[in-house]
Protein backbone atom coordinates (compact mmCIF):
# COMPACT_ATOMS: atom_id res chain seq x y z
CA MET A 1 -5.14 44.69 -68.98
CA PRO A 2 -5.67 46.37 -72.39
CA GLN A 3 -6.35 50.09 -72.31
CA ALA A 4 -8.48 50.19 -75.46
CA TYR A 5 -11.12 47.92 -76.81
CA PHE A 6 -13.77 47.60 -79.45
CA HIS A 7 -17.52 47.23 -78.92
CA TYR A 8 -18.23 43.53 -78.53
CA GLN A 9 -21.77 43.88 -79.81
CA GLN A 10 -20.55 45.35 -83.09
CA ILE A 11 -18.11 42.53 -83.71
CA MET A 12 -20.52 39.86 -82.60
CA SER A 13 -23.24 41.24 -84.86
CA ILE A 14 -21.00 40.35 -87.79
CA PHE A 15 -20.41 36.91 -86.27
CA THR A 16 -24.15 36.40 -85.86
CA LYS A 17 -24.96 37.55 -89.39
CA HIS A 18 -22.41 35.17 -90.90
CA HIS A 19 -23.39 32.29 -88.64
CA GLN A 20 -26.99 32.57 -89.77
CA HIS A 21 -25.70 31.89 -93.27
CA ASN A 22 -23.81 28.78 -92.12
CA THR A 23 -20.32 30.17 -92.52
CA GLY A 24 -18.89 28.25 -89.58
CA LEU A 25 -18.92 30.98 -86.94
CA PRO A 26 -19.42 30.57 -83.19
CA SER A 27 -22.95 29.45 -82.36
CA SER A 28 -22.60 30.80 -78.83
CA VAL A 29 -22.67 34.30 -80.28
CA GLN A 30 -26.33 34.74 -81.15
CA ASN A 31 -29.16 37.27 -80.80
CA VAL A 32 -26.61 40.06 -80.59
CA GLU A 33 -27.45 43.69 -81.21
CA ILE A 34 -24.97 46.23 -82.51
CA ALA A 35 -23.76 48.93 -80.12
CA ARG A 36 -24.95 52.50 -80.49
CA PRO A 37 -22.24 54.77 -81.98
CA ALA A 38 -20.85 57.74 -80.13
CA GLU A 39 -23.24 60.62 -79.56
CA GLY A 40 -22.93 63.49 -82.00
CA LEU A 41 -22.16 61.57 -85.17
CA PRO A 42 -24.18 62.63 -88.21
CA GLN A 43 -27.06 60.27 -88.95
CA ASP A 44 -25.56 59.01 -92.22
CA ALA A 45 -22.36 58.05 -90.38
CA ARG A 46 -24.12 55.95 -87.75
CA THR A 47 -24.64 52.23 -87.49
CA PRO A 48 -26.53 50.71 -90.44
CA THR A 49 -30.25 50.60 -89.71
CA ALA A 50 -30.27 46.87 -90.42
CA PHE A 51 -29.05 46.43 -86.85
CA ARG A 52 -30.94 47.52 -83.75
CA PRO A 53 -29.04 50.06 -81.61
CA ALA A 54 -28.15 48.76 -78.15
CA ARG A 55 -26.38 50.04 -75.08
CA LEU A 56 -22.73 49.12 -74.84
CA ALA A 57 -22.00 46.34 -72.37
CA PRO A 58 -18.52 47.21 -71.05
CA ARG A 59 -15.81 44.61 -71.06
CA PHE A 60 -14.80 43.22 -67.70
CA GLY A 61 -12.26 45.26 -65.79
CA ALA A 62 -11.93 47.94 -68.47
CA ALA A 63 -9.52 50.58 -67.27
CA ASN A 64 -11.20 53.33 -69.29
CA PRO A 65 -14.77 54.10 -70.37
CA PRO A 66 -15.84 53.08 -73.90
CA LEU A 67 -13.84 54.88 -76.55
CA GLN A 68 -15.85 57.31 -78.67
CA HIS A 69 -14.22 56.41 -81.95
CA SER A 70 -15.29 57.67 -85.34
CA ALA A 71 -17.47 55.78 -87.78
CA ALA A 72 -14.39 55.31 -89.96
CA LYS A 73 -12.48 53.57 -87.16
CA ALA A 74 -15.48 51.40 -86.41
CA LEU A 75 -15.78 50.41 -90.07
CA ILE A 76 -12.08 49.56 -90.30
CA ALA A 77 -12.27 47.36 -87.20
CA LEU A 78 -15.34 45.58 -88.48
CA LEU A 79 -13.75 44.98 -91.87
CA LEU A 80 -10.61 43.58 -90.22
CA VAL A 81 -12.67 41.09 -88.25
CA ALA A 82 -14.73 40.17 -91.29
CA GLY A 83 -11.54 39.75 -93.30
CA SER A 84 -10.02 37.42 -90.77
CA LEU A 85 -13.20 35.37 -90.84
CA ALA A 86 -13.24 35.16 -94.61
CA ALA A 87 -9.64 33.96 -94.54
CA SER A 88 -10.46 31.10 -92.16
CA PRO A 89 -10.05 27.64 -93.66
CA ALA A 90 -13.12 25.86 -94.95
CA THR A 91 -12.42 23.12 -92.41
CA ALA A 92 -12.77 25.50 -89.44
CA ARG A 93 -14.76 24.01 -86.61
CA ASP A 94 -18.41 25.03 -86.51
CA TRP A 95 -19.43 25.15 -82.85
CA VAL A 96 -23.11 24.31 -82.32
CA GLU A 97 -25.37 24.34 -79.25
CA PRO A 98 -25.14 20.58 -78.56
CA ASP A 99 -21.38 21.03 -78.06
CA PHE A 100 -22.01 22.83 -74.77
CA GLY A 101 -23.18 21.63 -71.39
CA GLN A 102 -22.36 17.96 -71.91
CA THR A 103 -20.72 17.56 -68.50
CA PRO A 104 -22.03 18.07 -64.93
CA LEU A 105 -21.33 21.28 -63.05
CA PRO A 106 -17.84 21.14 -61.52
CA ARG A 107 -18.09 19.63 -58.02
CA PHE A 108 -15.16 19.32 -55.61
CA ASN A 109 -14.42 18.17 -52.09
CA PHE A 110 -12.76 20.72 -49.81
CA VAL A 111 -11.79 21.19 -46.18
CA PRO A 112 -12.58 24.60 -44.64
CA PRO A 113 -10.25 26.28 -42.14
CA GLY A 114 -10.75 25.19 -38.56
CA SER A 115 -11.43 21.56 -39.41
CA SER A 116 -9.61 18.66 -37.79
CA ALA A 117 -8.10 17.79 -41.19
CA PRO A 118 -5.60 20.07 -42.98
CA THR A 119 -7.22 23.01 -44.79
CA GLN A 120 -7.91 22.43 -48.49
CA THR A 121 -9.52 25.56 -50.01
CA VAL A 122 -8.04 25.36 -53.51
CA VAL A 123 -10.02 23.16 -55.91
CA GLY A 124 -9.71 21.99 -59.52
CA GLU A 125 -6.76 21.91 -61.89
CA THR A 126 -5.60 24.29 -64.61
CA LYS A 127 -5.53 22.65 -68.07
CA THR A 128 -4.48 23.59 -71.59
CA HIS A 129 -6.30 23.44 -74.92
CA HIS A 130 -4.69 23.19 -78.34
CA PRO A 131 -6.70 25.69 -80.43
CA THR A 132 -7.75 24.90 -83.97
CA ALA A 133 -9.33 26.96 -86.73
CA GLY A 134 -12.85 28.01 -85.75
CA ASP A 135 -12.12 28.26 -82.02
CA THR A 136 -12.82 31.55 -80.24
CA PHE A 137 -12.57 32.45 -76.57
CA PHE A 138 -16.39 32.64 -76.44
CA ASP A 139 -16.76 29.04 -77.56
CA LEU A 140 -13.86 27.70 -75.50
CA ALA A 141 -15.08 29.50 -72.39
CA ARG A 142 -18.54 28.02 -72.68
CA PHE A 143 -17.24 24.55 -73.57
CA TYR A 144 -15.06 24.46 -70.44
CA ASP A 145 -17.76 26.19 -68.33
CA LEU A 146 -15.76 29.39 -67.88
CA GLY A 147 -16.68 33.04 -68.21
CA HIS A 148 -15.19 35.06 -71.05
CA ASN A 149 -13.36 37.15 -68.45
CA GLU A 150 -11.63 34.07 -67.04
CA ILE A 151 -10.25 32.70 -70.28
CA GLU A 152 -9.20 36.14 -71.52
CA ALA A 153 -7.36 37.06 -68.31
CA ALA A 154 -5.59 33.70 -68.26
CA ASN A 155 -4.27 34.14 -71.82
CA PRO A 156 -2.76 37.61 -72.29
CA GLY A 157 -1.40 38.22 -75.77
CA ILE A 158 -3.60 35.63 -77.50
CA ASP A 159 -6.21 36.91 -79.96
CA GLU A 160 -9.62 35.91 -78.62
CA TRP A 161 -11.11 35.55 -82.12
CA ILE A 162 -8.33 33.50 -83.74
CA PRO A 163 -6.37 31.83 -80.91
CA ASP A 164 -5.12 29.14 -83.28
CA GLN A 165 -2.96 31.80 -84.96
CA SER A 166 -0.97 32.44 -81.78
CA GLY A 167 1.00 29.19 -81.93
CA LYS A 168 0.40 28.79 -78.19
CA GLU A 169 -1.66 26.48 -76.03
CA VAL A 170 -4.68 28.17 -74.46
CA ALA A 171 -4.69 28.05 -70.67
CA ILE A 172 -7.98 26.72 -69.29
CA PRO A 173 -8.24 28.17 -65.75
CA THR A 174 -10.39 25.49 -64.12
CA ALA A 175 -8.82 25.82 -60.68
CA TRP A 176 -10.05 28.21 -58.01
CA VAL A 177 -9.31 29.47 -54.53
CA LEU A 178 -12.59 29.45 -52.62
CA PRO A 179 -13.73 32.93 -51.49
CA CYS A 180 -13.15 33.64 -47.81
CA CYS A 181 -14.71 32.94 -45.43
CA THR A 182 -18.30 31.75 -45.88
CA TYR A 183 -18.59 28.14 -46.91
CA GLU A 184 -22.38 27.80 -46.73
CA GLY A 185 -25.18 28.28 -49.26
CA LEU A 186 -24.55 30.44 -52.33
CA VAL A 187 -21.59 32.81 -52.65
CA ILE A 188 -21.11 35.07 -55.70
CA ASN A 189 -17.70 36.76 -55.91
CA ILE A 190 -18.23 39.85 -58.06
CA PRO A 191 -14.66 40.53 -59.32
CA GLU A 192 -14.20 37.00 -60.68
CA MET A 193 -17.84 36.74 -61.86
CA ARG A 194 -18.35 33.27 -60.43
CA ILE A 195 -20.92 31.56 -58.21
CA TYR A 196 -20.10 28.94 -55.57
CA TYR A 197 -22.76 26.68 -54.07
CA TYR A 198 -22.04 24.72 -50.89
CA PRO A 199 -24.73 22.03 -50.56
CA ARG A 200 -25.52 20.59 -47.17
CA THR A 201 -23.81 17.30 -46.44
CA ALA A 202 -24.53 14.66 -43.84
CA LYS A 203 -22.38 14.52 -40.72
CA GLY A 204 -19.10 12.80 -41.49
CA GLU A 205 -19.46 13.34 -45.24
CA PRO A 206 -16.82 15.44 -47.07
CA ARG A 207 -17.74 19.08 -47.64
CA GLN A 208 -18.41 19.90 -51.31
CA VAL A 209 -18.61 22.95 -53.54
CA ILE A 210 -20.24 23.40 -56.95
CA THR A 211 -19.20 26.33 -59.12
CA ALA A 212 -20.16 28.09 -62.37
CA PRO A 213 -19.37 31.37 -64.20
CA VAL A 214 -21.84 34.25 -64.24
CA GLY A 215 -22.52 37.60 -65.87
CA LEU A 216 -23.16 40.57 -63.54
CA GLY A 217 -24.26 44.21 -63.41
CA ARG A 218 -22.88 46.86 -65.71
CA LEU A 219 -20.84 49.74 -64.35
CA ASP A 220 -23.98 51.89 -64.20
CA TRP A 221 -26.14 49.08 -62.72
CA ARG A 222 -23.74 47.48 -60.28
CA THR A 223 -24.39 44.20 -58.54
CA PRO A 224 -24.30 45.06 -54.81
CA THR A 225 -22.67 43.24 -51.92
CA GLY A 226 -24.74 41.82 -49.10
CA ARG A 227 -26.45 38.78 -47.61
CA TRP A 228 -29.78 37.36 -48.77
CA ARG A 229 -31.92 34.22 -49.07
CA VAL A 230 -33.58 32.46 -52.01
CA THR A 231 -37.26 33.40 -51.73
CA GLU A 232 -38.83 32.08 -54.94
CA LYS A 233 -38.07 29.65 -57.76
CA THR A 234 -39.80 29.86 -61.15
CA LYS A 235 -39.53 27.88 -64.37
CA ASP A 236 -40.11 29.96 -67.55
CA PRO A 237 -40.67 33.20 -65.61
CA THR A 238 -42.42 36.15 -67.23
CA TRP A 239 -40.20 39.21 -67.23
CA VAL A 240 -42.17 42.22 -66.02
CA LEU A 241 -40.04 45.19 -66.95
CA PRO A 242 -39.31 47.67 -64.15
CA GLU A 243 -40.22 51.18 -65.27
CA SER A 244 -36.59 52.35 -65.18
CA ILE A 245 -35.51 49.57 -67.57
CA ARG A 246 -38.57 50.09 -69.77
CA LYS A 247 -37.68 53.78 -70.21
CA GLU A 248 -34.11 52.81 -71.07
CA ARG A 249 -35.32 50.35 -73.72
CA ILE A 250 -37.67 52.92 -75.23
CA ALA A 251 -34.90 55.51 -75.44
CA GLU A 252 -32.25 53.20 -76.81
CA LYS A 253 -34.13 50.58 -78.82
CA GLY A 254 -37.64 51.85 -79.36
CA PHE A 255 -39.08 48.82 -77.52
CA SER A 256 -42.11 49.71 -75.40
CA GLU A 257 -43.37 46.32 -74.12
CA THR A 258 -44.19 46.05 -70.41
CA SER A 259 -43.50 42.32 -70.14
CA ILE A 260 -42.00 39.39 -72.04
CA PRO A 261 -43.65 35.96 -71.65
CA GLY A 262 -41.85 33.08 -70.02
CA GLY A 263 -40.07 30.85 -72.52
CA HIS A 264 -39.95 33.58 -75.17
CA PRO A 265 -36.56 33.69 -76.99
CA ASP A 266 -36.20 37.41 -76.14
CA ASN A 267 -36.78 36.87 -72.41
CA PRO A 268 -33.45 37.75 -70.68
CA LEU A 269 -34.37 35.61 -67.66
CA GLY A 270 -34.03 32.40 -69.65
CA HIS A 271 -35.93 29.32 -68.48
CA TYR A 272 -35.12 29.38 -64.76
CA ARG A 273 -35.06 32.11 -62.12
CA MET A 274 -34.36 32.18 -58.38
CA ARG A 275 -35.54 35.38 -56.69
CA ILE A 276 -33.59 36.53 -53.66
CA SER A 277 -34.51 38.67 -50.67
CA LEU A 278 -32.07 41.45 -51.56
CA ASP A 279 -34.29 44.07 -53.18
CA ILE A 280 -35.38 42.89 -56.64
CA TYR A 281 -32.29 40.94 -57.70
CA GLY A 282 -32.28 37.37 -58.95
CA ILE A 283 -30.20 34.45 -60.23
CA HIS A 284 -31.36 33.26 -63.64
CA GLY A 285 -30.46 32.01 -67.09
CA THR A 286 -29.97 34.13 -70.19
CA HIS A 287 -30.94 34.31 -73.84
CA ARG A 288 -27.44 35.62 -74.66
CA PRO A 289 -24.81 33.13 -73.47
CA TRP A 290 -21.94 35.33 -74.67
CA GLY A 291 -22.67 37.70 -71.74
CA VAL A 292 -21.46 35.21 -69.12
CA GLY A 293 -18.18 36.57 -67.80
CA MET A 294 -19.13 40.15 -68.67
CA LEU A 295 -20.76 43.14 -66.99
CA VAL A 296 -23.98 43.04 -69.02
CA SER A 297 -27.00 42.91 -66.69
CA HIS A 298 -28.96 45.40 -64.63
CA GLY A 299 -27.45 43.85 -61.51
CA CYS A 300 -28.83 40.31 -61.61
CA VAL A 301 -26.77 37.13 -61.90
CA ARG A 302 -26.85 35.42 -65.33
CA LEU A 303 -25.73 31.84 -65.91
CA TYR A 304 -25.31 29.81 -69.07
CA PRO A 305 -28.65 28.13 -69.92
CA GLU A 306 -27.16 24.69 -69.31
CA ASP A 307 -25.70 25.75 -65.94
CA ILE A 308 -28.86 27.27 -64.46
CA GLU A 309 -30.80 24.19 -65.59
CA LYS A 310 -28.46 22.00 -63.51
CA LEU A 311 -28.12 24.34 -60.52
CA TYR A 312 -31.81 25.22 -60.18
CA PRO A 313 -33.01 21.84 -58.80
CA LEU A 314 -30.09 21.62 -56.34
CA VAL A 315 -30.84 24.84 -54.43
CA PRO A 316 -33.73 24.62 -51.93
CA LEU A 317 -35.98 27.57 -51.12
CA GLY A 318 -34.62 29.47 -48.15
CA THR A 319 -30.99 28.82 -49.04
CA GLY A 320 -28.79 31.62 -47.73
CA GLY A 321 -26.42 33.52 -49.98
CA GLU A 322 -24.05 36.44 -50.22
CA PHE A 323 -22.58 38.77 -52.83
CA VAL A 324 -18.92 39.34 -51.90
CA TYR A 325 -16.28 41.55 -53.49
CA GLN A 326 -12.88 39.85 -53.26
CA THR A 327 -10.30 40.83 -55.85
CA VAL A 328 -7.75 38.73 -53.98
CA LYS A 329 -8.29 35.23 -52.56
CA VAL A 330 -5.91 33.24 -50.36
CA GLY A 331 -6.16 29.49 -49.85
CA GLU A 332 -4.28 26.36 -48.85
CA ARG A 333 -3.69 23.06 -50.59
CA ASN A 334 -1.41 20.21 -49.56
CA GLY A 335 0.32 22.41 -47.02
CA ARG A 336 1.09 25.17 -49.56
CA VAL A 337 -0.26 28.74 -49.73
CA TRP A 338 -2.01 29.84 -52.92
CA LEU A 339 -2.99 33.29 -54.14
CA GLU A 340 -5.50 34.25 -56.86
CA ALA A 341 -6.05 37.84 -58.04
CA HIS A 342 -8.68 39.45 -60.28
CA PRO A 343 -9.28 42.91 -61.78
CA ASP A 344 -11.05 45.45 -59.58
CA LEU A 345 -14.17 45.67 -61.79
CA TYR A 346 -15.99 48.41 -59.89
CA GLY A 347 -12.88 50.22 -58.64
CA THR A 348 -13.63 49.67 -54.95
CA GLN A 349 -10.44 47.87 -53.81
CA PRO A 350 -7.45 49.84 -55.12
CA ALA A 351 -5.09 48.80 -52.29
CA ALA A 352 -4.48 45.22 -53.36
CA TRP A 353 -1.21 44.85 -51.46
CA ARG A 354 -2.74 45.95 -48.16
CA GLU A 355 -5.81 43.76 -48.76
CA THR A 356 -3.60 40.74 -49.44
CA ARG A 357 -1.51 41.32 -46.34
CA GLN A 358 -4.64 41.55 -44.19
CA LEU A 359 -6.04 38.33 -45.67
CA LEU A 360 -2.80 36.45 -45.05
CA GLU A 361 -2.62 37.75 -41.49
CA LYS A 362 -6.27 36.86 -40.83
CA GLN A 363 -5.68 33.27 -41.94
CA GLY A 364 -2.36 32.94 -40.12
CA LEU A 365 -0.40 32.61 -43.36
CA LEU A 366 1.59 35.85 -43.37
CA LYS A 367 4.93 34.25 -42.46
CA ARG A 368 4.60 31.47 -45.02
CA VAL A 369 4.68 33.43 -48.29
CA GLU A 370 7.35 34.90 -50.52
CA GLU A 371 6.95 38.61 -51.20
CA GLU A 372 8.16 38.54 -54.82
CA ARG A 373 5.69 35.81 -55.76
CA VAL A 374 2.82 37.69 -54.14
CA PHE A 375 3.78 40.87 -55.97
CA ARG A 376 3.87 39.08 -59.34
CA VAL A 377 0.39 37.61 -58.86
CA LEU A 378 -1.04 41.01 -57.95
CA GLN A 379 0.58 42.60 -60.98
CA GLU A 380 -0.61 40.01 -63.49
CA ARG A 381 -4.11 39.34 -62.10
CA ARG A 382 -4.67 36.34 -64.35
CA GLY A 383 -7.34 34.76 -62.15
CA ILE A 384 -5.31 31.58 -61.73
CA PRO A 385 -4.26 30.20 -58.30
CA VAL A 386 -0.50 30.54 -57.88
CA ASP A 387 1.68 28.89 -55.23
CA VAL A 388 3.25 31.77 -53.26
CA THR A 389 4.74 29.66 -50.46
CA GLY A 390 8.13 30.92 -49.31
CA ILE A 391 11.00 29.23 -47.53
CA ALA A 392 10.54 28.46 -43.84
CA SER A 393 12.84 31.30 -42.77
CA ALA A 394 11.21 33.93 -44.99
CA SER A 395 10.52 37.28 -43.35
CA VAL A 396 7.01 38.63 -42.82
CA LEU A 397 5.40 40.30 -45.87
CA SER A 398 6.32 44.00 -45.74
CA ASP A 399 3.76 46.76 -45.31
CA THR A 400 4.52 47.99 -48.82
CA PRO A 401 5.74 46.02 -51.86
CA ALA A 402 9.38 46.10 -52.83
CA MET A 403 8.40 47.59 -56.19
CA PRO A 404 5.76 50.21 -57.08
CA GLU A 405 2.31 48.66 -57.35
CA THR A 406 0.19 49.19 -60.45
CA VAL A 407 -3.42 48.29 -59.93
CA PRO A 408 -5.99 48.15 -62.75
CA SER A 409 -9.00 50.32 -62.05
CA THR A 410 -12.37 51.01 -63.58
CA VAL A 411 -14.62 53.98 -63.84
CA GLY A 412 -18.36 54.21 -63.69
CA GLY A 413 -21.09 54.93 -61.25
CA GLY A 414 -24.79 55.37 -60.89
CA LYS A 415 -26.98 54.00 -58.15
CA PRO A 416 -28.98 51.02 -59.37
CA THR A 417 -32.71 50.92 -58.75
CA SER A 418 -34.03 48.00 -60.82
CA ARG A 419 -32.40 44.86 -62.08
CA GLN A 420 -32.52 42.09 -64.70
């Protein structure tokens, strides 16, 4: 996990500006506002007034808070990105909106634990993509219906803006271990930023799961855990700003509106919203697709516009749901044990080894895994299911790993009161 990073909004503002002039930049990066510079900089050293100031949306799983770099460093970074764009070949692919959402939401059969048939709780297959000029992780993530966090974690060492320069295939992590242990209704696993929907099936029919990536609450507006039900469904909902968010927008952007009409391009709810019984949270679309797979909201769940449009009609009113926080998931497939690990976004599960051991013991799989493989998965945290099955005579997973454990952590806090 990188220890330093640059403001995404700043970089994407350049992408947006160039794309509006048809220079072949990612169309999925649109309507982006530049991040506010560090407090205390002189006014003439701040962000150009041509861009609106906006609050930083932290990258997923960042180990440190946003770096307060100087205006000079910011300018250098922006120029480097702009330079790499200018050097791109004229034949670079120009991603456009019709490129996305051309396939149905991923749907898989599965067999939950306790069934008469062997357990099958790992679904999908990991693929690879040969990157070409014009590809970025933002475009590839959306094209393959992944969050930015998923494709970045699966491809350490590859530049997210120019992956074609790496000389490597890009891993497309379209395989998942299902979160334990609720296989009904809607389940959103916060650390992986992904929603799972288990539609009802007739008796004797195979159980199915539908899944999609999501964007969730920032470090200071965290998405909570807990159970809830879908209480309302609205097409083109009006966004009535909670007073806490309105004050934030006034302070940071100078925007003082009290509501944004349904269907308006600046409405962050997008075209579809499902309210839930847990306080004032909801599941909805977005007017900024690049935020899927990032901590960007005030706690609500954001889906790609094309995903919420497909999911919305499938979910009946009254459907039960749950926000869970599982950095580690354990599953079975074809008699093998699989482990998937994700960054601890909110810093609430630092003891990954102990958590994994408890999960394996709970599911009766503790004696079937190899310790070294488990350790490697927890260290890398690439968000990809890995076969950790050991030999039949393997000893039980020890209470502590054979090597010191290094666990990514995050910082942040603040009790959320209102969401979007």
